């Protein structure tokens, strides 16, 4: 059972789906499985990239933690090198 709470901007979720074909609702399941958490230094706000399996696909999710909640910022299919890193560290769970 997932104990974390999630939120996101609904307009950003829609834009993300149009651009990447992945909704934020789909990637919540990533946090129920083993995933790789990597610090993202592309913003002044502390952000993280989670690499993991969401519904049978290895995805990259950028998120931050605000007020005890996981706020999803973007989600996309993991790039080849990211999938390799994930499989090396976590294993092939797809």
PDB file of N, CA and C in Angstrom:
ATOM      1  N   UNK A   1       0.842  -1.187   0.000  1.00  0.00           N
ATOM      2  CA  UNK A   1       0.000   0.000   0.000  1.00  0.00           C
ATOM      3  C   UNK A   1       0.882   1.244   0.000  1.00  0.00           C
ATOM      4  N   UNK A   2       0.527   2.194  -0.817  1.00  0.00           N
ATOM      5  CA  UNK A   2       1.288   3.421  -0.957  1.00  0.00           C
ATOM      6  C   UNK A   2       0.882   4.407   0.125  1.00  0.00           C
ATOM      7  N   UNK A   3       1.864   4.887   0.899  1.00  0.00           N
ATOM      8  CA  UNK A   3       1.538   5.796   1.992  1.00  0.00           C
ATOM      9  C   UNK A   3       1.759   7.257   1.623  1.00  0.00           C
ATOM     10  N   UNK A   4       2.488   7.533   0.559  1.00  0.00           N
ATOM     11  CA  UNK A   4       2.761   8.913   0.166  1.00  0.00           C
ATOM     12  C   UNK A   4       1.527   9.552  -0.462  1.00  0.00           C
ATOM     13  N   UNK A   5       1.447  10.859  -0.316  1.00  0.00           N
ATOM     14  CA  UNK A   5       0.399  11.625  -0.980  1.00  0.00           C
ATOM     15  C   UNK A   5       1.033  12.383  -2.135  1.00  0.00           C
ATOM     16  N   UNK A   6       0.268  12.568  -3.205  1.00  0.00           N
ATOM     17  CA  UNK A   6       0.780  13.181  -4.421  1.00  0.00           C
ATOM     18  C   UNK A   6      -0.063  14.379  -4.807  1.00  0.00           C
ATOM     19  N   UNK A   7       0.575  15.323  -5.492  1.00  0.00           N
ATOM     20  CA  UNK A   7      -0.176  16.380  -6.148  1.00  0.00           C
ATOM     21  C   UNK A   7       0.603  16.852  -7.366  1.00  0.00           C
ATOM     22  N   UNK A   8      -0.086  17.624  -8.191  1.00  0.00           N
ATOM     23  CA  UNK A   8       0.507  18.172  -9.409  1.00  0.00           C
ATOM     24  C   UNK A   8      -0.418  19.237  -9.957  1.00  0.00           C
ATOM     25  N   UNK A   9       0.112  20.001 -10.867  1.00  0.00           N
ATOM     26  CA  UNK A   9      -0.663  21.008 -11.580  1.00  0.00           C
ATOM     27  C   UNK A   9      -1.411  20.299 -12.705  1.00  0.00           C
ATOM     28  N   UNK A  10      -2.729  20.413 -12.734  1.00  0.00           N
ATOM     29  CA  UNK A  10      -3.514  19.680 -13.735  1.00  0.00           C
ATOM     30  C   UNK A  10      -3.213  20.136 -15.159  1.00  0.00           C
ATOM     31  N   UNK A  11      -2.919  21.419 -15.350  1.00  0.00           N
ATOM     32  CA  UNK A  11      -2.549  21.890 -16.697  1.00  0.00           C
ATOM     33  C   UNK A  11      -1.216  21.297 -17.127  1.00  0.00           C
ATOM     34  N   UNK A  12      -0.268  21.222 -16.195  1.00  0.00           N
ATOM     35  CA  UNK A  12       1.038  20.628 -16.501  1.00  0.00           C
ATOM     36  C   UNK A  12       0.874  19.141 -16.815  1.00  0.00           C
ATOM     37  N   UNK A  13       0.002  18.462 -16.101  1.00  0.00           N
ATOM     38  CA  UNK A  13      -0.269  17.052 -16.361  1.00  0.00           C
ATOM     39  C   UNK A  13      -0.782  16.871 -17.790  1.00  0.00           C
ATOM     40  N   UNK A  14      -1.710  17.720 -18.201  1.00  0.00           N
ATOM     41  CA  UNK A  14      -2.265  17.642 -19.557  1.00  0.00           C
ATOM     42  C   UNK A  14      -1.179  17.913 -20.604  1.00  0.00           C
ATOM     43  N   UNK A  15      -0.393  18.958 -20.399  1.00  0.00           N
ATOM     44  CA  UNK A  15       0.698  19.289 -21.321  1.00  0.00           C
ATOM     45  C   UNK A  15       1.709  18.154 -21.389  1.00  0.00           C
ATOM     46  N   UNK A  16       2.033  17.583 -20.240  1.00  0.00           N
ATOM     47  CA  UNK A  16       2.986  16.473 -20.184  1.00  0.00           C
ATOM     48  C   UNK A  16       2.462  15.277 -20.977  1.00  0.00           C
ATOM     49  N   UNK A  17       1.162  14.986 -20.838  1.00  0.00           N
ATOM     50  CA  UNK A  17       0.575  13.869 -21.574  1.00  0.00           C
ATOM     51  C   UNK A  17       0.646  14.113 -23.083  1.00  0.00           C
ATOM     52  N   UNK A  18       0.350  15.316 -23.517  1.00  0.00           N
ATOM     53  CA  UNK A  18       0.420  15.632 -24.948  1.00  0.00           C
ATOM     54  C   UNK A  18       1.849  15.508 -25.478  1.00  0.00           C
ATOM     55  N   UNK A  19       2.818  15.930 -24.685  1.00  0.00           N
ATOM     56  CA  UNK A  19       4.222  15.913 -25.117  1.00  0.00           C
ATOM     57  C   UNK A  19       4.853  14.527 -25.029  1.00  0.00           C
ATOM     58  N   UNK A  20       4.586  13.799 -23.946  1.00  0.00           N
ATOM     59  CA  UNK A  20       5.297  12.544 -23.677  1.00  0.00           C
ATOM     60  C   UNK A  20       4.417  11.294 -23.708  1.00  0.00           C
ATOM     61  N   UNK A  21       3.103  11.469 -23.764  1.00  0.00           N
ATOM     62  CA  UNK A  21       2.204  10.316 -23.794  1.00  0.00           C
ATOM     63  C   UNK A  21       2.080   9.596 -22.467  1.00  0.00           C
ATOM     64  N   UNK A  22       2.424  10.282 -21.379  1.00  0.00           N
ATOM     65  CA  UNK A  22       2.366   9.695 -20.035  1.00  0.00           C
ATOM     66  C   UNK A  22       1.680  10.695 -19.108  1.00  0.00           C
ATOM     67  N   UNK A  23       0.683  10.226 -18.375  1.00  0.00           N
ATOM     68  CA  UNK A  23       0.021  11.101 -17.403  1.00  0.00           C
ATOM     69  C   UNK A  23       0.655  10.913 -16.029  1.00  0.00           C
ATOM     70  N   UNK A  24       0.494  11.905 -15.191  1.00  0.00           N
ATOM     71  CA  UNK A  24       1.023  11.819 -13.836  1.00  0.00           C
ATOM     72  C   UNK A  24       0.316  10.724 -13.039  1.00  0.00           C
ATOM     73  N   UNK A  25      -0.968  10.506 -13.320  1.00  0.00           N
ATOM     74  CA  UNK A  25      -1.692   9.431 -12.630  1.00  0.00           C
ATOM     75  C   UNK A  25      -1.033   8.078 -12.886  1.00  0.00           C
ATOM     76  N   UNK A  26      -0.543   7.881 -14.116  1.00  0.00           N
ATOM     77  CA  UNK A  26       0.088   6.604 -14.480  1.00  0.00           C
ATOM     78  C   UNK A  26       1.372   6.341 -13.705  1.00  0.00           C
ATOM     79  N   UNK A  27       2.138   7.392 -13.416  1.00  0.00           N
ATOM     80  CA  UNK A  27       3.463   7.179 -12.830  1.00  0.00           C
ATOM     81  C   UNK A  27       3.455   7.099 -11.311  1.00  0.00           C
ATOM     82  N   UNK A  28       2.326   7.360 -10.676  1.00  0.00           N
ATOM     83  CA  UNK A  28       2.255   7.224  -9.218  1.00  0.00           C
ATOM     84  C   UNK A  28       2.660   5.811  -8.806  1.00  0.00           C
ATOM     85  N   UNK A  29       2.323   4.819  -9.627  1.00  0.00           N
ATOM     86  CA  UNK A  29       2.659   3.425  -9.301  1.00  0.00           C
ATOM     87  C   UNK A  29       4.163   3.184  -9.222  1.00  0.00           C
ATOM     88  N   UNK A  30       4.959   4.030  -9.854  1.00  0.00           N
ATOM     89  CA  UNK A  30       6.422   3.907  -9.783  1.00  0.00           C
ATOM     90  C   UNK A  30       6.890   3.905  -8.330  1.00  0.00           C
ATOM     91  N   UNK A  31       6.259   4.711  -7.503  1.00  0.00           N
ATOM     92  CA  UNK A  31       6.690   4.862  -6.116  1.00  0.00           C
ATOM     93  C   UNK A  31       6.302   3.677  -5.238  1.00  0.00           C
ATOM     94  N   UNK A  32       5.554   2.722  -5.786  1.00  0.00           N
ATOM     95  CA  UNK A  32       5.200   1.500  -5.063  1.00  0.00           C
ATOM     96  C   UNK A  32       6.236   0.405  -5.260  1.00  0.00           C
ATOM     97  N   UNK A  33       7.103   0.568  -6.247  1.00  0.00           N
ATOM     98  CA  UNK A  33       8.115  -0.425  -6.611  1.00  0.00           C
ATOM     99  C   UNK A  33       9.495   0.112  -6.241  1.00  0.00           C
ATOM    100  N   UNK A  34      10.519  -0.746  -6.261  1.00  0.00           N
ATOM    101  CA  UNK A  34      11.874  -0.216  -6.083  1.00  0.00           C
ATOM    102  C   UNK A  34      12.179   0.773  -7.211  1.00  0.00           C
ATOM    103  N   UNK A  35      12.721   1.917  -6.839  1.00  0.00           N
ATOM    104  CA  UNK A  35      13.088   2.907  -7.847  1.00  0.00           C
ATOM    105  C   UNK A  35      14.398   3.571  -7.452  1.00  0.00           C
ATOM    106  N   UNK A  36      15.024   4.172  -8.439  1.00  0.00           N
ATOM    107  CA  UNK A  36      16.289   4.863  -8.239  1.00  0.00           C
ATOM    108  C   UNK A  36      16.000   6.348  -8.098  1.00  0.00           C
ATOM    109  N   UNK A  37      16.506   6.958  -7.059  1.00  0.00           N
ATOM    110  CA  UNK A  37      16.287   8.388  -6.798  1.00  0.00           C
ATOM    111  C   UNK A  37      17.599   9.121  -7.025  1.00  0.00           C
ATOM    112  N   UNK A  38      17.566  10.116  -7.915  1.00  0.00           N
ATOM    113  CA  UNK A  38      18.759  10.874  -8.290  1.00  0.00           C
ATOM    114  C   UNK A  38      18.469  12.354  -8.088  1.00  0.00           C
ATOM    115  N   UNK A  39      19.380  13.053  -7.437  1.00  0.00           N
ATOM    116  CA  UNK A  39      19.237  14.503  -7.221  1.00  0.00           C
ATOM    117  C   UNK A  39      19.316  15.204  -8.560  1.00  0.00           C
ATOM    118  N   UNK A  40      18.388  16.107  -8.819  1.00  0.00           N
ATOM    119  CA  UNK A  40      18.375  16.908 -10.041  1.00  0.00           C
ATOM    120  C   UNK A  40      18.823  18.316  -9.690  1.00  0.00           C
ATOM    121  N   UNK A  41      19.847  18.801 -10.362  1.00  0.00           N
ATOM    122  CA  UNK A  41      20.401  20.121 -10.050  1.00  0.00           C
ATOM    123  C   UNK A  41      19.976  21.192 -11.045  1.00  0.00           C
ATOM    124  N   UNK A  42      18.887  20.966 -11.756  1.00  0.00           N
ATOM    125  CA  UNK A  42      18.474  21.905 -12.790  1.00  0.00           C
ATOM    126  C   UNK A  42      17.568  23.014 -12.277  1.00  0.00           C
ATOM    127  N   UNK A  43      17.358  23.102 -10.996  1.00  0.00           N
ATOM    128  CA  UNK A  43      16.448  24.092 -10.430  1.00  0.00           C
ATOM    129  C   UNK A  43      16.973  24.532  -9.070  1.00  0.00           C
ATOM    130  N   UNK A  44      16.601  25.732  -8.668  1.00  0.00           N
ATOM    131  CA  UNK A  44      16.961  26.182  -7.324  1.00  0.00           C
ATOM    132  C   UNK A  44      16.214  25.381  -6.264  1.00  0.00           C
ATOM    133  N   UNK A  45      15.007  24.957  -6.582  1.00  0.00           N
ATOM    134  CA  UNK A  45      14.230  24.112  -5.680  1.00  0.00           C
ATOM    135  C   UNK A  45      14.826  22.700  -5.695  1.00  0.00           C
ATOM    136  N   UNK A  46      14.887  22.045  -4.541  1.00  0.00           N
ATOM    137  CA  UNK A  46      15.409  20.686  -4.511  1.00  0.00           C
ATOM    138  C   UNK A  46      14.457  19.763  -5.261  1.00  0.00           C
ATOM    139  N   UNK A  47      14.961  19.215  -6.352  1.00  0.00           N
ATOM    140  CA  UNK A  47      14.164  18.302  -7.165  1.00  0.00           C
ATOM    141  C   UNK A  47      14.885  16.973  -7.292  1.00  0.00           C
ATOM    142  N   UNK A  48      14.096  15.953  -7.570  1.00  0.00           N
ATOM    143  CA  UNK A  48      14.611  14.600  -7.704  1.00  0.00           C
ATOM    144  C   UNK A  48      14.119  13.990  -9.007  1.00  0.00           C
ATOM    145  N   UNK A  49      14.914  13.076  -9.540  1.00  0.00           N
ATOM    146  CA  UNK A  49      14.458  12.254 -10.649  1.00  0.00           C
ATOM    147  C   UNK A  49      14.325  10.839 -10.118  1.00  0.00           C
ATOM    148  N   UNK A  50      13.170  10.261 -10.318  1.00  0.00           N
ATOM    149  CA  UNK A  50      12.937   8.862  -9.968  1.00  0.00           C
ATOM    150  C   UNK A  50      12.933   8.065 -11.260  1.00  0.00           C
ATOM    151  N   UNK A  51      13.760   7.035 -11.313  1.00  0.00           N
ATOM    152  CA  UNK A  51      13.748   6.092 -12.430  1.00  0.00           C
ATOM    153  C   UNK A  51      13.131   4.816 -11.914  1.00  0.00           C
ATOM    154  N   UNK A  52      12.089   4.370 -12.580  1.00  0.00           N
ATOM    155  CA  UNK A  52      11.446   3.158 -12.108  1.00  0.00           C
ATOM    156  C   UNK A  52      10.416   2.621 -13.076  1.00  0.00           C
ATOM    157  N   UNK A  53       9.808   1.533 -12.650  1.00  0.00           N
ATOM    158  CA  UNK A  53       8.822   0.826 -13.457  1.00  0.00           C
ATOM    159  C   UNK A  53       7.429   1.346 -13.107  1.00  0.00           C
ATOM    160  N   UNK A  54       6.746   1.858 -14.120  1.00  0.00           N
ATOM    161  CA  UNK A  54       5.359   2.299 -13.951  1.00  0.00           C
ATOM    162  C   UNK A  54       4.532   1.615 -15.024  1.00  0.00           C
ATOM    163  N   UNK A  55       3.727   0.669 -14.611  1.00  0.00           N
ATOM    164  CA  UNK A  55       2.847  -0.059 -15.520  1.00  0.00           C
ATOM    165  C   UNK A  55       3.622  -0.723 -16.659  1.00  0.00           C
ATOM    166  N   UNK A  56       4.761  -1.324 -16.299  1.00  0.00           N
ATOM    167  CA  UNK A  56       5.542  -2.090 -17.268  1.00  0.00           C
ATOM    168  C   UNK A  56       6.487  -1.278 -18.126  1.00  0.00           C
ATOM    169  N   UNK A  57       6.595   0.015 -17.863  1.00  0.00           N
ATOM    170  CA  UNK A  57       7.508   0.870 -18.624  1.00  0.00           C
ATOM    171  C   UNK A  57       8.495   1.528 -17.672  1.00  0.00           C
ATOM    172  N   UNK A  58       9.753   1.623 -18.100  1.00  0.00           N
ATOM    173  CA  UNK A  58      10.744   2.332 -17.298  1.00  0.00           C
ATOM    174  C   UNK A  58      10.605   3.813 -17.629  1.00  0.00           C
ATOM    175  N   UNK A  59      10.285   4.601 -16.608  1.00  0.00           N
ATOM    176  CA  UNK A  59      10.028   6.021 -16.804  1.00  0.00           C
ATOM    177  C   UNK A  59      10.920   6.867 -15.900  1.00  0.00           C
ATOM    178  N   UNK A  60      11.052   8.130 -16.281  1.00  0.00           N
ATOM    179  CA  UNK A  60      11.766   9.124 -15.485  1.00  0.00           C
ATOM    180  C   UNK A  60      10.739  10.143 -15.008  1.00  0.00           C
ATOM    181  N   UNK A  61      10.696  10.357 -13.714  1.00  0.00           N
ATOM    182  CA  UNK A  61       9.744  11.292 -13.120  1.00  0.00           C
ATOM    183  C   UNK A  61      10.528  12.346 -12.348  1.00  0.00           C
ATOM    184  N   UNK A  62      10.317  13.603 -12.691  1.00  0.00           N
ATOM    185  CA  UNK A  62      10.918  14.700 -11.942  1.00  0.00           C
ATOM    186  C   UNK A  62       9.883  15.151 -10.916  1.00  0.00           C
ATOM    187  N   UNK A  63      10.333  15.275  -9.669  1.00  0.00           N
ATOM    188  CA  UNK A  63       9.407  15.657  -8.605  1.00  0.00           C
ATOM    189  C   UNK A  63      10.134  16.415  -7.513  1.00  0.00           C
ATOM    190  N   UNK A  64       9.365  17.033  -6.665  1.00  0.00           N
ATOM    191  CA  UNK A  64       9.885  17.678  -5.475  1.00  0.00           C
ATOM    192  C   UNK A  64       9.008  17.252  -4.303  1.00  0.00           C
ATOM    193  N   UNK A  65       9.454  17.543  -3.112  1.00  0.00           N
ATOM    194  CA  UNK A  65       8.661  17.229  -1.924  1.00  0.00           C
ATOM    195  C   UNK A  65       8.244  18.542  -1.277  1.00  0.00           C
ATOM    196  N   UNK A  66       6.937  18.725  -1.149  1.00  0.00           N
ATOM    197  CA  UNK A  66       6.388  19.948  -0.551  1.00  0.00           C
ATOM    198  C   UNK A  66       5.342  19.574   0.489  1.00  0.00           C
ATOM    199  N   UNK A  67       5.532  20.099   1.677  1.00  0.00           N
ATOM    200  CA  UNK A  67       4.550  19.890   2.751  1.00  0.00           C
ATOM    201  C   UNK A  67       4.200  18.420   2.943  1.00  0.00           C
ATOM    202  N   UNK A  68       5.210  17.565   2.877  1.00  0.00           N
ATOM    203  CA  UNK A  68       5.005  16.138   3.100  1.00  0.00           C
ATOM    204  C   UNK A  68       4.363  15.398   1.940  1.00  0.00           C
ATOM    205  N   UNK A  69       4.239  16.053   0.796  1.00  0.00           N
ATOM    206  CA  UNK A  69       3.627  15.431  -0.384  1.00  0.00           C
ATOM    207  C   UNK A  69       4.644  15.384  -1.514  1.00  0.00           C
ATOM    208  N   UNK A  70       4.476  14.420  -2.391  1.00  0.00           N
ATOM    209  CA  UNK A  70       5.297  14.331  -3.596  1.00  0.00           C
ATOM    210  C   UNK A  70       4.577  15.115  -4.685  1.00  0.00           C
ATOM    211  N   UNK A  71       5.234  16.171  -5.174  1.00  0.00           N
ATOM    212  CA  UNK A  71       4.652  16.991  -6.243  1.00  0.00           C
ATOM    213  C   UNK A  71       5.351  16.633  -7.546  1.00  0.00           C
ATOM    214  N   UNK A  72       4.612  16.005  -8.449  1.00  0.00           N
ATOM    215  CA  UNK A  72       5.168  15.580  -9.735  1.00  0.00           C
ATOM    216  C   UNK A  72       5.233  16.782 -10.660  1.00  0.00           C
ATOM    217  N   UNK A  73       6.402  16.944 -11.289  1.00  0.00           N
ATOM    218  CA  UNK A  73       6.649  18.080 -12.170  1.00  0.00           C
ATOM    219  C   UNK A  73       6.625  17.652 -13.632  1.00  0.00           C
ATOM    220  N   UNK A  74       7.215  16.502 -13.930  1.00  0.00           N
ATOM    221  CA  UNK A  74       7.188  15.975 -15.298  1.00  0.00           C
ATOM    222  C   UNK A  74       7.434  14.473 -15.269  1.00  0.00           C
ATOM    223  N   UNK A  75       7.037  13.828 -16.361  1.00  0.00           N
ATOM    224  CA  UNK A  75       7.231  12.380 -16.500  1.00  0.00           C
ATOM    225  C   UNK A  75       7.405  12.069 -17.979  1.00  0.00           C
ATOM    226  N   UNK A  76       8.308  11.141 -18.255  1.00  0.00           N
ATOM    227  CA  UNK A  76       8.570  10.733 -19.638  1.00  0.00           C
ATOM    228  C   UNK A  76       9.162   9.340 -19.624  1.00  0.00           C
ATOM    229  N   UNK A  77       9.212   8.734 -20.801  1.00  0.00           N
ATOM    230  CA  UNK A  77       9.909   7.460 -20.930  1.00  0.00           C
ATOM    231  C   UNK A  77      11.384   7.701 -20.621  1.00  0.00           C
ATOM    232  N   UNK A  78      12.002   6.769 -19.912  1.00  0.00           N
ATOM    233  CA  UNK A  78      13.426   6.895 -19.601  1.00  0.00           C
ATOM    234  C   UNK A  78      14.241   6.772 -20.884  1.00  0.00           C
ATOM    235  N   UNK A  79      15.304   7.538 -20.950  1.00  0.00           N
ATOM    236  CA  UNK A  79      16.233   7.446 -22.076  1.00  0.00           C
ATOM    237  C   UNK A  79      17.033   6.151 -21.950  1.00  0.00           C
ATOM    238  N   UNK A  80      17.655   5.757 -23.046  1.00  0.00           N
ATOM    239  CA  UNK A  80      18.375   4.478 -23.068  1.00  0.00           C
ATOM    240  C   UNK A  80      19.396   4.393 -21.934  1.00  0.00           C
ATOM    241  N   UNK A  81      20.215   5.428 -21.771  1.00  0.00           N
ATOM    242  CA  UNK A  81      21.241   5.373 -20.726  1.00  0.00           C
ATOM    243  C   UNK A  81      20.611   5.342 -19.332  1.00  0.00           C
ATOM    244  N   UNK A  82      19.444   5.974 -19.157  1.00  0.00           N
ATOM    245  CA  UNK A  82      18.753   5.935 -17.866  1.00  0.00           C
ATOM    246  C   UNK A  82      18.206   4.539 -17.587  1.00  0.00           C
ATOM    247  N   UNK A  83      17.671   3.887 -18.616  1.00  0.00           N
ATOM    248  CA  UNK A  83      17.194   2.504 -18.449  1.00  0.00           C
ATOM    249  C   UNK A  83      18.352   1.588 -18.061  1.00  0.00           C
ATOM    250  N   UNK A  84      19.520   1.801 -18.678  1.00  0.00           N
ATOM    251  CA  UNK A  84      20.690   0.979 -18.348  1.00  0.00           C
ATOM    252  C   UNK A  84      21.125   1.198 -16.905  1.00  0.00           C
ATOM    253  N   UNK A  85      21.139   2.448 -16.456  1.00  0.00           N
ATOM    254  CA  UNK A  85      21.486   2.745 -15.060  1.00  0.00           C
ATOM    255  C   UNK A  85      20.493   2.062 -14.121  1.00  0.00           C
ATOM    256  N   UNK A  86      19.216   2.184 -14.424  1.00  0.00           N
ATOM    257  CA  UNK A  86      18.180   1.573 -13.594  1.00  0.00           C
ATOM    258  C   UNK A  86      18.366   0.061 -13.520  1.00  0.00           C
ATOM    259  N   UNK A  87      18.563  -0.572 -14.666  1.00  0.00           N
ATOM    260  CA  UNK A  87      18.711  -2.033 -14.690  1.00  0.00           C
ATOM    261  C   UNK A  87      19.976  -2.482 -13.976  1.00  0.00           C
ATOM    262  N   UNK A  88      21.062  -1.687 -14.079  1.00  0.00           N
ATOM    263  CA  UNK A  88      22.298  -2.024 -13.366  1.00  0.00           C
ATOM    264  C   UNK A  88      22.109  -1.942 -11.855  1.00  0.00           C
ATOM    265  N   UNK A  89      21.378  -0.944 -11.387  1.00  0.00           N
ATOM    266  CA  UNK A  89      21.252  -0.710  -9.950  1.00  0.00           C
ATOM    267  C   UNK A  89      20.079  -1.438  -9.301  1.00  0.00           C
ATOM    268  N   UNK A  90      18.958  -1.521 -10.015  1.00  0.00           N
ATOM    269  CA  UNK A  90      17.744  -2.107  -9.443  1.00  0.00           C
ATOM    270  C   UNK A  90      17.486  -3.500  -9.998  1.00  0.00           C
ATOM    271  N   UNK A  91      17.775  -3.692 -11.268  1.00  0.00           N
ATOM    272  CA  UNK A  91      17.491  -4.959 -11.931  1.00  0.00           C
ATOM    273  C   UNK A  91      16.402  -4.776 -12.968  1.00  0.00           C
ATOM    274  N   UNK A  92      16.201  -5.783 -13.776  1.00  0.00           N
ATOM    275  CA  UNK A  92      15.189  -5.730 -14.833  1.00  0.00           C
ATOM    276  C   UNK A  92      13.857  -6.166 -14.254  1.00  0.00           C
ATOM    277  N   UNK A  93      12.994  -5.198 -13.964  1.00  0.00           N
ATOM    278  CA  UNK A  93      11.691  -5.512 -13.380  1.00  0.00           C
ATOM    279  C   UNK A  93      10.554  -5.295 -14.361  1.00  0.00           C
ATOM    280  N   UNK A  94      10.896  -4.998 -15.609  1.00  0.00           N
ATOM    281  CA  UNK A  94       9.832  -4.728 -16.591  1.00  0.00           C
ATOM    282  C   UNK A  94       9.235  -6.000 -17.140  1.00  0.00           C
TER     283      UNK A  94
END
